[in-house]
Each structure stands twice: as C-alpha cells, then as structure tokens.
Amino acid sequence: MTPALRLSVLTACALAAASLPGVARGDGPTAQATPTGQAKPAAQSKPTAHAKPTPAKPTAQAKPAPKTAARTPPAKRAAAPTRAVAASRAWHTATPGKAAPLDAAGRPMLTLQALNMPEHVTLSARSEHGGFSAEDLDRAAHVLRDPRSGNEHPIDPLLLDLVYRVAVHFAAHEVRIISGYRTPRHGRHSNHAKGRAIDLVVPGASDEDVARFARDQGFVGVGVYPTSGFVHLDVRDRSYFWVDSSGPGKRSRMRGVLGDVAAKSDARALARGEHGIRPFGIATDFAAALAAARAESEEPGGQSPARGDGASPVDDDDDVDDDGVAAE
C-alpha cells in the first residue's frame, strides 16, 4: 500500500472514531451512551436503612422525700411566770453606804425620789408617826404631780404619814415614786386622782415585805404588782388588799386577798384611836355635809358605816393607767 493510500485510510478511521457517541465528550469506555435529547435519569439512591428507634431510657424518678411527722402548730406558750420587769431590779437596789438624812431632832427625814422625772424632795416629820407642815405638803405635791399633764393636786396628809412610817421601818434612804397624782379620766375611779394614793418602791426591801408591813397600819389600800414590780399604797375608810399580775399598760388582773387580815387591821387601828378617812365626795350643801360628818363622828368608834357587801371597795384603784416609768 502506498503511503498516500495508508494516510487516507488512517484519516477515515480517525473521522469514524470521532463520530462515535461518548468519545467526543471524553467519557470512558465504560460510560453508557445516552440517547441524544433525553435527560439522564437521576441515579436512584439506595434506600436509607431506617435506624432502629432507640428506646428512651426511663428518667430516673426522684426518690420521694422520707415521710416526716406532720408538723403540729406550736402550743401556745403558757403565761410567763410572774416576774418583775427588768428595770425594777435597779429600783429595788439601795445605794450602797447611803442612809436617810436626820433632822435637828435626830429623826430620819423622808426623801421622795420621782422615777418619772429627775426630781426629789426631802421632808422633816414632826413625830415618829409623821406629821408634815403645809409647806412640806405642797413640796411633796409638786414632786408627786402628774408627769404627763403637769397637773398638781394636794396630797392627803395621812398618805404622807403612811409613806413615812414605811420608810422609817425599812431604814430606807429614800422612797422611789412610780406614780403619785394622776389626772382623772372620765368613767374611771382612782385614789390617785384624789391625792390619796402612791405607787412606790422601797430600795433594799422586797415588795411583799413592804406590803406586809403596810397592811398592818389600818384603813389602807395595799396592792402588790409583782409583774411591774411596785407596791400601791392608799388611805381609805376601810382596808382592802389585792394582787394584780398584769403588766404595765395591760388590762387589770386584780384579785382581792386577805380580807380577814384587812378587817383585823382596821379593828386594831380603831383600838389605837385611829380613824378611817371619810369617803371622797363633792357636795353643794355645806350645812348638810357638816351635819352628816358630825353624826358620823358620833357613831361608836367614830368610824363611818361599814359597807356590808363584803366586795371590793367602791373607790377601787385603777392602776392600769400607770404607763410612766414602768412602761416596757
């Protein structure tokens, strides 16, 4: 074969090969021919193997709290035992090394120290049983005035005599005053409003000892206030004794005590020639009031007619108002 013929054959073979489908596009010999104009079908993906559902682990349940006994509401506290307020300890403590001053006759003098205000007064008695001048009674009334209103009221001389005898008996260098005169309040009855009552502390002596001595004086009102820590003294026409466990500013819890002792005390006072104080009253007819007083003094023993009810005194004391220095 001539070279020219060989060249022609090779050229024809090359042209034929070029016209084969897939070869011009560079597909490999393994590529399948796709008919012209038809889209190549998308390769089907193998079905995804469904993962077996993993069973959810059961959530660990919290262990129930151990059962405890149901809480019972705390029982109401029993009433606190009767006790003096903290401040009363200081009131009852005597000043070390201090004694009552003596007058020119060598008799102990009475010093009234107010606890609601920084004031005091020292008075001279005319005898061992008391007895004070009009001037000293006025000075005492000023110290014993109502600290809330500033009002003053004359103090019954018999009340000051009683306080003096108490002070001398216990050799007290002073008597500390919780409350003296108190301005009257509507609907309330108190010997404080008449200048006939005093709430006090005797330093160096217990309240019960003070009350025991005072009960023996006759024609007196004696009240012990163990929670507040003081003794009430007043003068009246018939003795009456009581204990009140209420605290400062609280409703009164008064109960009468020692009724037989009160009657015997008044009888002994009558035997000594002493008389009870006439009931406090206001009258518009002076002549009638004077005649009634004269008739009363002519009765055996000179004592005003005794009340036959045997109950607490009509003119009882109302110490629930005492909210001065004793207030918590």
C-alpha atoms as a PDB file:
ATOM      1  CA  MET A   1       0.000   0.000   0.000  1.00  0.00           C
ATOM      2  CA  THR A   2       1.279   3.328  -0.974  1.00  0.00           C
ATOM      3  CA  PRO A   3       1.927   5.912   1.670  1.00  0.00           C
ATOM      4  CA  ALA A   4      -0.785   8.157   0.291  1.00  0.00           C
ATOM      5  CA  LEU A   5      -3.395   5.414   0.470  1.00  0.00           C
ATOM      6  CA  ARG A   6      -2.323   4.499   4.020  1.00  0.00           C
ATOM      7  CA  LEU A   7      -2.767   8.148   5.068  1.00  0.00           C
ATOM      8  CA  SER A   8      -6.253   8.249   3.595  1.00  0.00           C
ATOM      9  CA  VAL A   9      -7.298   5.097   5.454  1.00  0.00           C
ATOM     10  CA  LEU A  10      -5.985   6.440   8.790  1.00  0.00           C
ATOM     11  CA  THR A  11      -7.769   9.700   8.250  1.00  0.00           C
ATOM     12  CA  ALA A  12     -11.060   7.920   7.582  1.00  0.00           C
ATOM     13  CA  CYS A  13     -10.659   5.778  10.686  1.00  0.00           C
ATOM     14  CA  ALA A  14      -9.999   8.814  12.793  1.00  0.00           C
ATOM     15  CA  LEU A  15     -13.104  10.565  11.498  1.00  0.00           C
ATOM     16  CA  ALA A  16     -15.212   7.489  12.192  1.00  0.00           C
ATOM     17  CA  ALA A  17     -13.933   7.187  15.725  1.00  0.00           C
ATOM     18  CA  ALA A  18     -14.642  10.814  16.373  1.00  0.00           C
ATOM     19  CA  SER A  19     -18.274  10.388  15.398  1.00  0.00           C
ATOM     20  CA  LEU A  20     -18.914   7.605  17.939  1.00  0.00           C
ATOM     21  CA  PRO A  21     -21.178   8.777  20.826  1.00  0.00           C
ATOM     22  CA  GLY A  22     -19.459   9.463  24.149  1.00  0.00           C
ATOM     23  CA  VAL A  23     -15.981   9.535  22.714  1.00  0.00           C
ATOM     24  CA  ALA A  24     -16.136  13.217  21.793  1.00  0.00           C
ATOM     25  CA  ARG A  25     -17.267  14.011  25.329  1.00  0.00           C
ATOM     26  CA  GLY A  26     -14.375  12.259  26.860  1.00  0.00           C
ATOM     27  CA  ASP A  27     -16.463   9.557  28.533  1.00  0.00           C
ATOM     28  CA  GLY A  28     -14.615   6.467  29.360  1.00  0.00           C
ATOM     29  CA  PRO A  29     -15.267   3.258  27.574  1.00  0.00           C
ATOM     30  CA  THR A  30     -17.481   2.073  30.428  1.00  0.00           C
ATOM     31  CA  ALA A  31     -19.846   5.040  30.201  1.00  0.00           C
ATOM     32  CA  GLN A  32     -23.217   4.098  28.837  1.00  0.00           C
ATOM     33  CA  ALA A  33     -24.432   6.035  25.831  1.00  0.00           C
ATOM     34  CA  THR A  34     -27.408   8.240  26.456  1.00  0.00           C
ATOM     35  CA  PRO A  35     -29.772   8.797  23.590  1.00  0.00           C
ATOM     36  CA  THR A  36     -29.497  12.307  22.279  1.00  0.00           C
ATOM     37  CA  GLY A  37     -32.097  14.766  23.705  1.00  0.00           C
ATOM     38  CA  GLN A  38     -33.053  12.573  26.706  1.00  0.00           C
ATOM     39  CA  ALA A  39     -32.229  13.617  30.208  1.00  0.00           C
ATOM     40  CA  LYS A  40     -30.077  11.267  32.061  1.00  0.00           C
ATOM     41  CA  PRO A  41     -32.209   9.603  34.681  1.00  0.00           C
ATOM     42  CA  ALA A  42     -31.252  10.565  38.193  1.00  0.00           C
ATOM     43  CA  ALA A  43     -29.369   7.938  39.959  1.00  0.00           C
ATOM     44  CA  GLN A  44     -31.611   6.226  42.412  1.00  0.00           C
ATOM     45  CA  SER A  45     -30.260   6.466  45.870  1.00  0.00           C
ATOM     46  CA  LYS A  46     -30.189   3.372  47.891  1.00  0.00           C
ATOM     47  CA  PRO A  47     -32.938   3.291  50.419  1.00  0.00           C
ATOM     48  CA  THR A  48     -31.619   4.601  53.650  1.00  0.00           C
ATOM     49  CA  ALA A  49     -31.639   1.987  56.286  1.00  0.00           C
ATOM     50  CA  HIS A  50     -34.071   3.063  58.906  1.00  0.00           C
ATOM     51  CA  ALA A  51     -32.313   3.293  62.237  1.00  0.00           C
ATOM     52  CA  LYS A  52     -33.993   1.277  64.861  1.00  0.00           C
ATOM     53  CA  PRO A  53     -35.664   3.628  67.277  1.00  0.00           C
ATOM     54  CA  THR A  54     -33.654   3.687  70.428  1.00  0.00           C
ATOM     55  CA  PRO A  55     -35.986   3.282  73.327  1.00  0.00           C
ATOM     56  CA  ALA A  56     -35.722   6.302  75.630  1.00  0.00           C
ATOM     57  CA  LYS A  57     -34.154   5.449  78.869  1.00  0.00           C
ATOM     58  CA  PRO A  58     -36.637   5.921  81.632  1.00  0.00           C
ATOM     59  CA  THR A  59     -35.890   9.087  83.511  1.00  0.00           C
ATOM     60  CA  ALA A  60     -34.738   8.300  86.958  1.00  0.00           C
ATOM     61  CA  GLN A  61     -37.526   9.397  89.217  1.00  0.00           C
ATOM     62  CA  ALA A  62     -36.520  11.385  92.244  1.00  0.00           C
ATOM     63  CA  LYS A  63     -36.792   9.358  95.343  1.00  0.00           C
ATOM     64  CA  PRO A  64     -39.705  10.566  97.409  1.00  0.00           C
ATOM     65  CA  ALA A  65     -38.616  12.519 100.436  1.00  0.00           C
ATOM     66  CA  PRO A  66     -38.783  10.448 103.559  1.00  0.00           C
ATOM     67  CA  LYS A  67     -42.069  10.942 105.271  1.00  0.00           C
ATOM     68  CA  THR A  68     -41.852  13.079 108.317  1.00  0.00           C
ATOM     69  CA  ALA A  69     -44.357  13.511 111.023  1.00  0.00           C
ATOM     70  CA  ALA A  70     -46.758  16.325 110.215  1.00  0.00           C
ATOM     71  CA  ARG A  71     -45.746  19.478 111.962  1.00  0.00           C
ATOM     72  CA  THR A  72     -48.075  20.373 114.702  1.00  0.00           C
ATOM     73  CA  PRO A  73     -48.501  24.062 115.400  1.00  0.00           C
ATOM     74  CA  PRO A  74     -46.509  25.060 118.452  1.00  0.00           C
ATOM     75  CA  ALA A  75     -48.592  25.092 121.534  1.00  0.00           C
ATOM     76  CA  LYS A  76     -49.386  28.488 122.877  1.00  0.00           C
ATOM     77  CA  ARG A  77     -46.908  29.469 125.478  1.00  0.00           C
ATOM     78  CA  ALA A  78     -48.175  29.340 128.930  1.00  0.00           C
ATOM     79  CA  ALA A  79     -48.371  32.662 130.636  1.00  0.00           C
ATOM     80  CA  ALA A  80     -44.935  33.667 131.766  1.00  0.00           C
ATOM     81  CA  PRO A  81     -44.471  33.265 135.468  1.00  0.00           C
ATOM     82  CA  THR A  82     -44.955  36.370 137.468  1.00  0.00           C
ATOM     83  CA  ARG A  83     -41.743  38.325 137.379  1.00  0.00           C
ATOM     84  CA  ALA A  84     -40.652  41.861 137.869  1.00  0.00           C
ATOM     85  CA  VAL A  85     -39.763  43.940 134.851  1.00  0.00           C
ATOM     86  CA  ALA A  86     -36.039  44.274 134.311  1.00  0.00           C
ATOM     87  CA  ALA A  87     -35.923  47.912 135.374  1.00  0.00           C
ATOM     88  CA  SER A  88     -37.441  47.157 138.759  1.00  0.00           C
ATOM     89  CA  ARG A  89     -34.252  45.413 139.843  1.00  0.00           C
ATOM     90  CA  ALA A  90     -32.496  48.753 139.729  1.00  0.00           C
ATOM     91  CA  TRP A  91     -35.376  50.472 141.514  1.00  0.00           C
ATOM     92  CA  HIS A  92     -35.167  47.997 144.399  1.00  0.00           C
ATOM     93  CA  THR A  93     -31.403  48.281 144.800  1.00  0.00           C
ATOM     94  CA  ALA A  94     -30.359  50.593 147.623  1.00  0.00           C
ATOM     95  CA  THR A  95     -27.477  52.992 147.063  1.00  0.00           C
ATOM     96  CA  PRO A  96     -24.508  51.473 148.934  1.00  0.00           C
ATOM     97  CA  GLY A  97     -23.440  53.393 152.001  1.00  0.00           C
ATOM     98  CA  LYS A  98     -26.318  55.867 151.829  1.00  0.00           C
ATOM     99  CA  ALA A  99     -28.652  56.459 154.783  1.00  0.00           C
ATOM    100  CA  ALA A 100     -31.626  58.710 155.355  1.00  0.00           C
ATOM    101  CA  PRO A 101     -30.662  62.212 156.477  1.00  0.00           C
ATOM    102  CA  LEU A 102     -31.571  63.200 160.044  1.00  0.00           C
ATOM    103  CA  ASP A 103     -33.297  66.399 161.139  1.00  0.00           C
ATOM    104  CA  ALA A 104     -32.263  68.589 164.071  1.00  0.00           C
ATOM    105  CA  ALA A 105     -34.098  66.295 166.488  1.00  0.00           C
ATOM    106  CA  GLY A 106     -32.277  63.232 165.164  1.00  0.00           C
ATOM    107  CA  ARG A 107     -35.343  61.828 163.370  1.00  0.00           C
ATOM    108  CA  PRO A 108     -34.971  60.335 159.899  1.00  0.00           C
ATOM    109  CA  MET A 109     -36.223  62.617 157.149  1.00  0.00           C
ATOM    110  CA  LEU A 110     -38.405  61.444 154.270  1.00  0.00           C
ATOM    111  CA  THR A 111     -36.906  61.709 150.783  1.00  0.00           C
ATOM    112  CA  LEU A 112     -39.242  61.198 147.832  1.00  0.00           C
ATOM    113  CA  GLN A 113     -37.383  60.437 144.598  1.00  0.00           C
ATOM    114  CA  ALA A 114     -39.504  60.569 141.443  1.00  0.00           C
ATOM    115  CA  LEU A 115     -38.569  57.985 138.822  1.00  0.00           C
ATOM    116  CA  ASN A 116     -40.550  59.621 136.012  1.00  0.00           C
ATOM    117  CA  MET A 117     -38.556  62.817 136.276  1.00  0.00           C
ATOM    118  CA  PRO A 118     -35.236  63.722 137.898  1.00  0.00           C
ATOM    119  CA  GLU A 119     -36.711  65.446 140.953  1.00  0.00           C
ATOM    120  CA  HIS A 120     -36.734  64.736 144.650  1.00  0.00           C
ATOM    121  CA  VAL A 121     -37.750  66.394 147.887  1.00  0.00           C
ATOM    122  CA  THR A 122     -36.636  65.828 151.498  1.00  0.00           C
ATOM    123  CA  LEU A 123     -39.171  66.494 154.251  1.00  0.00           C
ATOM    124  CA  SER A 124     -38.985  66.734 158.053  1.00  0.00           C
ATOM    125  CA  ALA A 125     -41.603  64.908 160.132  1.00  0.00           C
ATOM    126  CA  ARG A 126     -42.906  66.290 163.396  1.00  0.00           C
ATOM    127  CA  SER A 127     -43.016  62.902 165.127  1.00  0.00           C
ATOM    128  CA  GLU A 128     -42.079  59.286 164.618  1.00  0.00           C
ATOM    129  CA  HIS A 129     -45.515  58.719 163.106  1.00  0.00           C
ATOM    130  CA  GLY A 130     -45.203  61.522 160.567  1.00  0.00           C
ATOM    131  CA  GLY A 131     -46.904  64.900 160.531  1.00  0.00           C
ATOM    132  CA  PHE A 132     -45.721  67.426 157.955  1.00  0.00           C
ATOM    133  CA  SER A 133     -46.105  71.163 157.626  1.00  0.00           C
ATOM    134  CA  ALA A 134     -48.366  72.719 154.985  1.00  0.00           C
ATOM    135  CA  GLU A 135     -45.270  73.911 153.175  1.00  0.00           C
ATOM    136  CA  ASP A 136     -43.819  70.401 153.060  1.00  0.00           C
ATOM    137  CA  LEU A 137     -47.148  69.016 151.861  1.00  0.00           C
ATOM    138  CA  ASP A 138     -47.027  71.490 148.965  1.00  0.00           C
ATOM    139  CA  ARG A 139     -43.462  70.477 148.133  1.00  0.00           C
ATOM    140  CA  ALA A 140     -44.459  66.825 148.172  1.00  0.00           C
ATOM    141  CA  ALA A 141     -47.450  67.545 145.915  1.00  0.00           C
ATOM    142  CA  HIS A 142     -45.125  69.132 143.359  1.00  0.00           C
ATOM    143  CA  VAL A 143     -42.879  66.067 143.134  1.00  0.00           C
ATOM    144  CA  LEU A 144     -45.915  63.771 143.087  1.00  0.00           C
ATOM    145  CA  ARG A 145     -47.610  65.690 140.242  1.00  0.00           C
ATOM    146  CA  ASP A 146     -48.881  64.004 137.074  1.00  0.00           C
ATOM    147  CA  PRO A 147     -45.803  63.818 134.793  1.00  0.00           C
ATOM    148  CA  ARG A 148     -47.946  63.593 131.639  1.00  0.00           C
ATOM    149  CA  SER A 149     -50.065  66.691 132.192  1.00  0.00           C
ATOM    150  CA  GLY A 150     -48.045  68.554 134.826  1.00  0.00           C
ATOM    151  CA  ASN A 151     -51.184  68.862 136.960  1.00  0.00           C
ATOM    152  CA  GLU A 152     -50.740  69.013 140.724  1.00  0.00           C
ATOM    153  CA  HIS A 153     -53.148  68.063 143.487  1.00  0.00           C
ATOM    154  CA  PRO A 154     -52.883  68.354 147.283  1.00  0.00           C
ATOM    155  CA  ILE A 155     -51.617  65.168 148.875  1.00  0.00           C
ATOM    156  CA  ASP A 156     -53.610  63.775 151.753  1.00  0.00           C
ATOM    157  CA  PRO A 157     -51.518  64.183 154.945  1.00  0.00           C
ATOM    158  CA  LEU A 158     -52.456  60.666 156.079  1.00  0.00           C
ATOM    159  CA  LEU A 159     -50.925  59.240 152.914  1.00  0.00           C
ATOM    160  CA  LEU A 160     -47.616  61.008 153.535  1.00  0.00           C
ATOM    161  CA  ASP A 161     -47.653  59.795 157.157  1.00  0.00           C
ATOM    162  CA  LEU A 162     -48.115  56.222 155.924  1.00  0.00           C
ATOM    163  CA  VAL A 163     -45.208  56.541 153.486  1.00  0.00           C
ATOM    164  CA  TYR A 164     -43.029  57.998 156.249  1.00  0.00           C
ATOM    165  CA  ARG A 165     -43.700  55.079 158.588  1.00  0.00           C
ATOM    166  CA  VAL A 166     -42.844  52.640 155.815  1.00  0.00           C
ATOM    167  CA  ALA A 167     -39.569  54.425 155.078  1.00  0.00           C
ATOM    168  CA  VAL A 168     -38.541  54.533 158.755  1.00  0.00           C
ATOM    169  CA  HIS A 169     -39.432  50.876 159.323  1.00  0.00           C
ATOM    170  CA  PHE A 170     -37.137  49.742 156.499  1.00  0.00           C
ATOM    171  CA  ALA A 171     -34.452  52.378 157.196  1.00  0.00           C
ATOM    172  CA  ALA A 172     -34.720  53.494 153.569  1.00  0.00           C
ATOM    173  CA  HIS A 173     -32.548  56.412 152.495  1.00  0.00           C
ATOM    174  CA  GLU A 174     -35.317  57.364 150.027  1.00  0.00           C
ATOM    175  CA  VAL A 175     -38.650  56.188 148.659  1.00  0.00           C
ATOM    176  CA  ARG A 176     -38.798  55.864 144.879  1.00  0.00           C
ATOM    177  CA  ILE A 177     -42.033  57.023 143.315  1.00  0.00           C
ATOM    178  CA  ILE A 178     -43.558  55.280 140.303  1.00  0.00           C
ATOM    179  CA  SER A 179     -46.781  57.278 140.316  1.00  0.00           C
ATOM    180  CA  GLY A 180     -48.450  59.809 142.578  1.00  0.00           C
ATOM    181  CA  TYR A 181     -51.248  62.068 141.438  1.00  0.00           C
ATOM    182  CA  ARG A 182     -52.958  61.205 138.156  1.00  0.00           C
ATOM    183  CA  THR A 183     -55.365  63.493 136.340  1.00  0.00           C
ATOM    184  CA  PRO A 184     -58.886  61.992 136.496  1.00  0.00           C
ATOM    185  CA  ARG A 185     -60.263  60.283 133.408  1.00  0.00           C
ATOM    186  CA  HIS A 186     -63.911  60.079 132.549  1.00  0.00           C
ATOM    187  CA  GLY A 187     -65.576  56.975 133.930  1.00  0.00           C
ATOM    188  CA  ARG A 188     -62.576  55.887 135.985  1.00  0.00           C
ATOM    189  CA  HIS A 189     -62.279  55.870 139.740  1.00  0.00           C
ATOM    190  CA  SER A 190     -58.865  56.045 141.327  1.00  0.00           C
ATOM    191  CA  ASN A 191     -57.473  57.221 144.621  1.00  0.00           C
ATOM    192  CA  HIS A 192     -54.569  58.593 142.582  1.00  0.00           C
ATOM    193  CA  ALA A 193     -56.961  61.244 141.251  1.00  0.00           C
ATOM    194  CA  LYS A 194     -57.752  62.337 144.828  1.00  0.00           C
ATOM    195  CA  GLY A 195     -54.207  62.702 146.110  1.00  0.00           C
ATOM    196  CA  ARG A 196     -54.707  59.642 148.297  1.00  0.00           C
ATOM    197  CA  ALA A 197     -52.582  57.020 146.525  1.00  0.00           C
ATOM    198  CA  ILE A 198     -48.989  56.407 145.590  1.00  0.00           C
ATOM    199  CA  ASP A 199     -47.132  53.624 143.750  1.00  0.00           C
ATOM    200  CA  LEU A 200     -43.686  53.179 145.197  1.00  0.00           C
ATOM    201  CA  VAL A 201     -40.571  51.094 145.655  1.00  0.00           C
ATOM    202  CA  VAL A 202     -38.572  50.950 148.874  1.00  0.00           C
ATOM    203  CA  PRO A 203     -34.937  50.298 147.955  1.00  0.00           C
ATOM    204  CA  GLY A 204     -33.441  47.461 149.926  1.00  0.00           C
ATOM    205  CA  ALA A 205     -36.834  45.911 150.742  1.00  0.00           C
ATOM    206  CA  SER A 206     -38.953  43.419 148.841  1.00  0.00           C
ATOM    207  CA  ASP A 207     -42.412  44.432 147.674  1.00  0.00           C
ATOM    208  CA  GLU A 208     -44.010  41.658 149.705  1.00  0.00           C
ATOM    209  CA  ASP A 209     -42.283  42.822 152.902  1.00  0.00           C
ATOM    210  CA  VAL A 210     -43.406  46.395 152.262  1.00  0.00           C
ATOM    211  CA  ALA A 211     -46.982  45.222 151.640  1.00  0.00           C
ATOM    212  CA  ARG A 212     -46.982  43.055 154.778  1.00  0.00           C
ATOM    213  CA  PHE A 213     -45.957  45.998 156.953  1.00  0.00           C
ATOM    214  CA  ALA A 214     -48.385  48.416 155.315  1.00  0.00           C
ATOM    215  CA  ARG A 215     -51.328  46.017 155.723  1.00  0.00           C
ATOM    216  CA  ASP A 216     -50.909  46.227 159.485  1.00  0.00           C
ATOM    217  CA  GLN A 217     -51.387  50.013 159.593  1.00  0.00           C
ATOM    218  CA  GLY A 218     -55.178  50.021 159.278  1.00  0.00           C
ATOM    219  CA  PHE A 219     -57.526  51.898 156.941  1.00  0.00           C
ATOM    220  CA  VAL A 220     -55.248  51.420 153.963  1.00  0.00           C
ATOM    221  CA  GLY A 221     -55.361  50.022 150.464  1.00  0.00           C
ATOM    222  CA  VAL A 222     -52.367  47.851 149.639  1.00  0.00           C
ATOM    223  CA  GLY A 223     -51.834  46.405 146.179  1.00  0.00           C
ATOM    224  CA  VAL A 224     -48.874  44.318 145.061  1.00  0.00           C
ATOM    225  CA  TYR A 225     -47.925  44.406 141.367  1.00  0.00           C
ATOM    226  CA  PRO A 226     -45.365  41.595 141.013  1.00  0.00           C
ATOM    227  CA  THR A 227     -45.017  41.830 137.227  1.00  0.00           C
ATOM    228  CA  SER A 228     -44.446  45.576 137.148  1.00  0.00           C
ATOM    229  CA  GLY A 229     -42.515  45.495 140.402  1.00  0.00           C
ATOM    230  CA  PHE A 230     -44.034  48.023 142.801  1.00  0.00           C
ATOM    231  CA  VAL A 231     -46.483  48.420 145.685  1.00  0.00           C
ATOM    232  CA  HIS A 232     -49.568  50.616 145.669  1.00  0.00           C
ATOM    233  CA  LEU A 233     -50.494  52.362 148.919  1.00  0.00           C
ATOM    234  CA  ASP A 234     -53.523  54.493 149.634  1.00  0.00           C
ATOM    235  CA  VAL A 235     -55.590  55.690 152.577  1.00  0.00           C
ATOM    236  CA  ARG A 236     -59.321  54.912 152.764  1.00  0.00           C
ATOM    237  CA  ASP A 237     -62.219  54.301 155.112  1.00  0.00           C
ATOM    238  CA  ARG A 238     -61.928  50.513 155.028  1.00  0.00           C
ATOM    239  CA  SER A 239     -58.849  48.423 154.308  1.00  0.00           C
ATOM    240  CA  TYR A 240     -58.654  46.373 151.157  1.00  0.00           C
ATOM    241  CA  PHE A 241     -55.726  44.310 149.854  1.00  0.00           C
ATOM    242  CA  TRP A 242     -55.106  42.886 146.406  1.00  0.00           C
ATOM    243  CA  VAL A 243     -52.582  41.444 143.973  1.00  0.00           C
ATOM    244  CA  ASP A 244     -52.526  42.442 140.301  1.00  0.00           C
ATOM    245  CA  SER A 245     -50.332  40.340 137.997  1.00  0.00           C
ATOM    246  CA  SER A 246     -50.949  42.472 134.903  1.00  0.00           C
ATOM    247  CA  GLY A 247     -48.017  44.167 133.232  1.00  0.00           C
ATOM    248  CA  PRO A 248     -47.523  47.890 132.575  1.00  0.00           C
ATOM    249  CA  GLY A 249     -50.285  49.289 130.386  1.00  0.00           C
ATOM    250  CA  LYS A 250     -52.228  45.994 130.380  1.00  0.00           C
ATOM    251  CA  ARG A 251     -55.771  45.276 131.487  1.00  0.00           C
ATOM    252  CA  SER A 252     -56.064  44.878 135.237  1.00  0.00           C
ATOM    253  CA  ARG A 253     -55.986  41.348 136.654  1.00  0.00           C
ATOM    254  CA  MET A 254     -56.733  42.370 140.197  1.00  0.00           C
ATOM    255  CA  ARG A 255     -57.863  39.854 142.794  1.00  0.00           C
ATOM    256  CA  GLY A 256     -58.624  40.612 146.395  1.00  0.00           C
ATOM    257  CA  VAL A 257     -56.616  38.863 149.107  1.00  0.00           C
ATOM    258  CA  LEU A 258     -56.509  38.611 152.899  1.00  0.00           C
ATOM    259  CA  GLY A 259     -59.962  40.014 153.625  1.00  0.00           C
ATOM    260  CA  ASP A 260     -59.829  38.748 157.215  1.00  0.00           C
ATOM    261  CA  VAL A 261     -56.457  40.428 157.749  1.00  0.00           C
ATOM    262  CA  ALA A 262     -57.902  43.722 156.496  1.00  0.00           C
ATOM    263  CA  ALA A 263     -60.785  43.600 158.983  1.00  0.00           C
ATOM    264  CA  LYS A 264     -58.479  42.780 161.917  1.00  0.00           C
ATOM    265  CA  SER A 265     -56.073  45.535 160.912  1.00  0.00           C
ATOM    266  CA  ASP A 266     -58.841  48.138 160.961  1.00  0.00           C
ATOM    267  CA  ALA A 267     -60.047  46.864 164.335  1.00  0.00           C
ATOM    268  CA  ARG A 268     -56.578  47.273 165.835  1.00  0.00           C
ATOM    269  CA  ALA A 269     -56.291  50.777 164.371  1.00  0.00           C
ATOM    270  CA  LEU A 270     -59.615  51.714 165.969  1.00  0.00           C
ATOM    271  CA  ALA A 271     -58.346  50.401 169.294  1.00  0.00           C
ATOM    272  CA  ARG A 272     -55.347  52.723 168.962  1.00  0.00           C
ATOM    273  CA  GLY A 273     -57.738  55.655 168.499  1.00  0.00           C
ATOM    274  CA  GLU A 274     -57.184  55.959 164.758  1.00  0.00           C
ATOM    275  CA  HIS A 275     -59.988  56.505 162.301  1.00  0.00           C
ATOM    276  CA  GLY A 276     -60.556  55.753 158.662  1.00  0.00           C
ATOM    277  CA  ILE A 277     -60.587  58.533 156.141  1.00  0.00           C
ATOM    278  CA  ARG A 278     -64.019  59.681 155.048  1.00  0.00           C
ATOM    279  CA  PRO A 279     -65.046  58.718 151.523  1.00  0.00           C
ATOM    280  CA  PHE A 280     -64.185  61.356 148.963  1.00  0.00           C
ATOM    281  CA  GLY A 281     -67.170  63.328 147.755  1.00  0.00           C
ATOM    282  CA  ILE A 282     -68.336  66.681 146.452  1.00  0.00           C
ATOM    283  CA  ALA A 283     -71.371  68.407 147.934  1.00  0.00           C
ATOM    284  CA  THR A 284     -73.118  71.688 147.235  1.00  0.00           C
ATOM    285  CA  ASP A 285     -74.916  71.952 150.584  1.00  0.00           C
ATOM    286  CA  PHE A 286     -72.208  72.730 153.122  1.00  0.00           C
ATOM    287  CA  ALA A 287     -74.545  72.707 156.141  1.00  0.00           C
ATOM    288  CA  ALA A 288     -75.921  69.283 155.255  1.00  0.00           C
ATOM    289  CA  ALA A 289     -72.439  67.886 154.660  1.00  0.00           C
ATOM    290  CA  LEU A 290     -71.238  69.234 158.008  1.00  0.00           C
ATOM    291  CA  ALA A 291     -74.239  67.749 159.822  1.00  0.00           C
ATOM    292  CA  ALA A 292     -73.625  64.369 158.191  1.00  0.00           C
ATOM    293  CA  ALA A 293     -69.978  64.456 159.223  1.00  0.00           C
ATOM    294  CA  ARG A 294     -70.914  65.324 162.808  1.00  0.00           C
ATOM    295  CA  ALA A 295     -73.450  62.484 163.004  1.00  0.00           C
ATOM    296  CA  GLU A 296     -70.882  60.095 161.549  1.00  0.00           C
ATOM    297  CA  SER A 297     -68.294  61.053 164.154  1.00  0.00           C
ATOM    298  CA  GLU A 298     -70.775  60.397 166.963  1.00  0.00           C
ATOM    299  CA  GLU A 299     -71.184  56.746 165.993  1.00  0.00           C
ATOM    300  CA  PRO A 300     -69.417  54.193 168.239  1.00  0.00           C
ATOM    301  CA  GLY A 301     -65.745  54.174 167.385  1.00  0.00           C
ATOM    302  CA  GLY A 302     -66.098  57.195 165.150  1.00  0.00           C
ATOM    303  CA  GLN A 303     -65.901  55.025 162.064  1.00  0.00           C
ATOM    304  CA  SER A 304     -68.011  55.621 159.024  1.00  0.00           C
ATOM    305  CA  PRO A 305     -70.647  52.933 158.489  1.00  0.00           C
ATOM    306  CA  ALA A 306     -69.042  49.839 157.058  1.00  0.00           C
ATOM    307  CA  ARG A 307     -70.241  48.616 153.730  1.00  0.00           C
ATOM    308  CA  GLY A 308     -71.972  45.302 154.136  1.00  0.00           C
ATOM    309  CA  ASP A 309     -71.400  43.956 150.667  1.00  0.00           C
ATOM    310  CA  GLY A 310     -68.054  42.411 151.527  1.00  0.00           C
ATOM    311  CA  ALA A 311     -66.912  43.057 147.962  1.00  0.00           C
ATOM    312  CA  SER A 312     -64.012  45.096 146.712  1.00  0.00           C
ATOM    313  CA  PRO A 313     -64.074  48.771 147.699  1.00  0.00           C
ATOM    314  CA  VAL A 314     -66.312  51.086 145.720  1.00  0.00           C
ATOM    315  CA  ASP A 315     -63.479  53.532 145.264  1.00  0.00           C
ATOM    316  CA  ASP A 316     -61.112  50.954 143.881  1.00  0.00           C
ATOM    317  CA  ASP A 317     -57.808  51.849 142.336  1.00  0.00           C
ATOM    318  CA  ASP A 318     -57.248  51.773 138.601  1.00  0.00           C
ATOM    319  CA  ASP A 319     -53.536  51.258 138.166  1.00  0.00           C
ATOM    320  CA  VAL A 320     -53.909  50.085 134.569  1.00  0.00           C
ATOM    321  CA  ASP A 321     -53.356  53.765 133.698  1.00  0.00           C
ATOM    322  CA  ASP A 322     -49.871  53.703 135.132  1.00  0.00           C
ATOM    323  CA  ASP A 323     -47.740  53.764 131.997  1.00  0.00           C
ATOM    324  CA  GLY A 324     -44.991  56.074 133.090  1.00  0.00           C
ATOM    325  CA  VAL A 325     -41.560  54.792 134.013  1.00  0.00           C
ATOM    326  CA  ALA A 326     -42.935  51.280 134.328  1.00  0.00           C
ATOM    327  CA  ALA A 327     -43.684  51.150 130.555  1.00  0.00           C
ATOM    328  CA  GLU A 328     -41.665  48.450 128.587  1.00  0.00           C
END
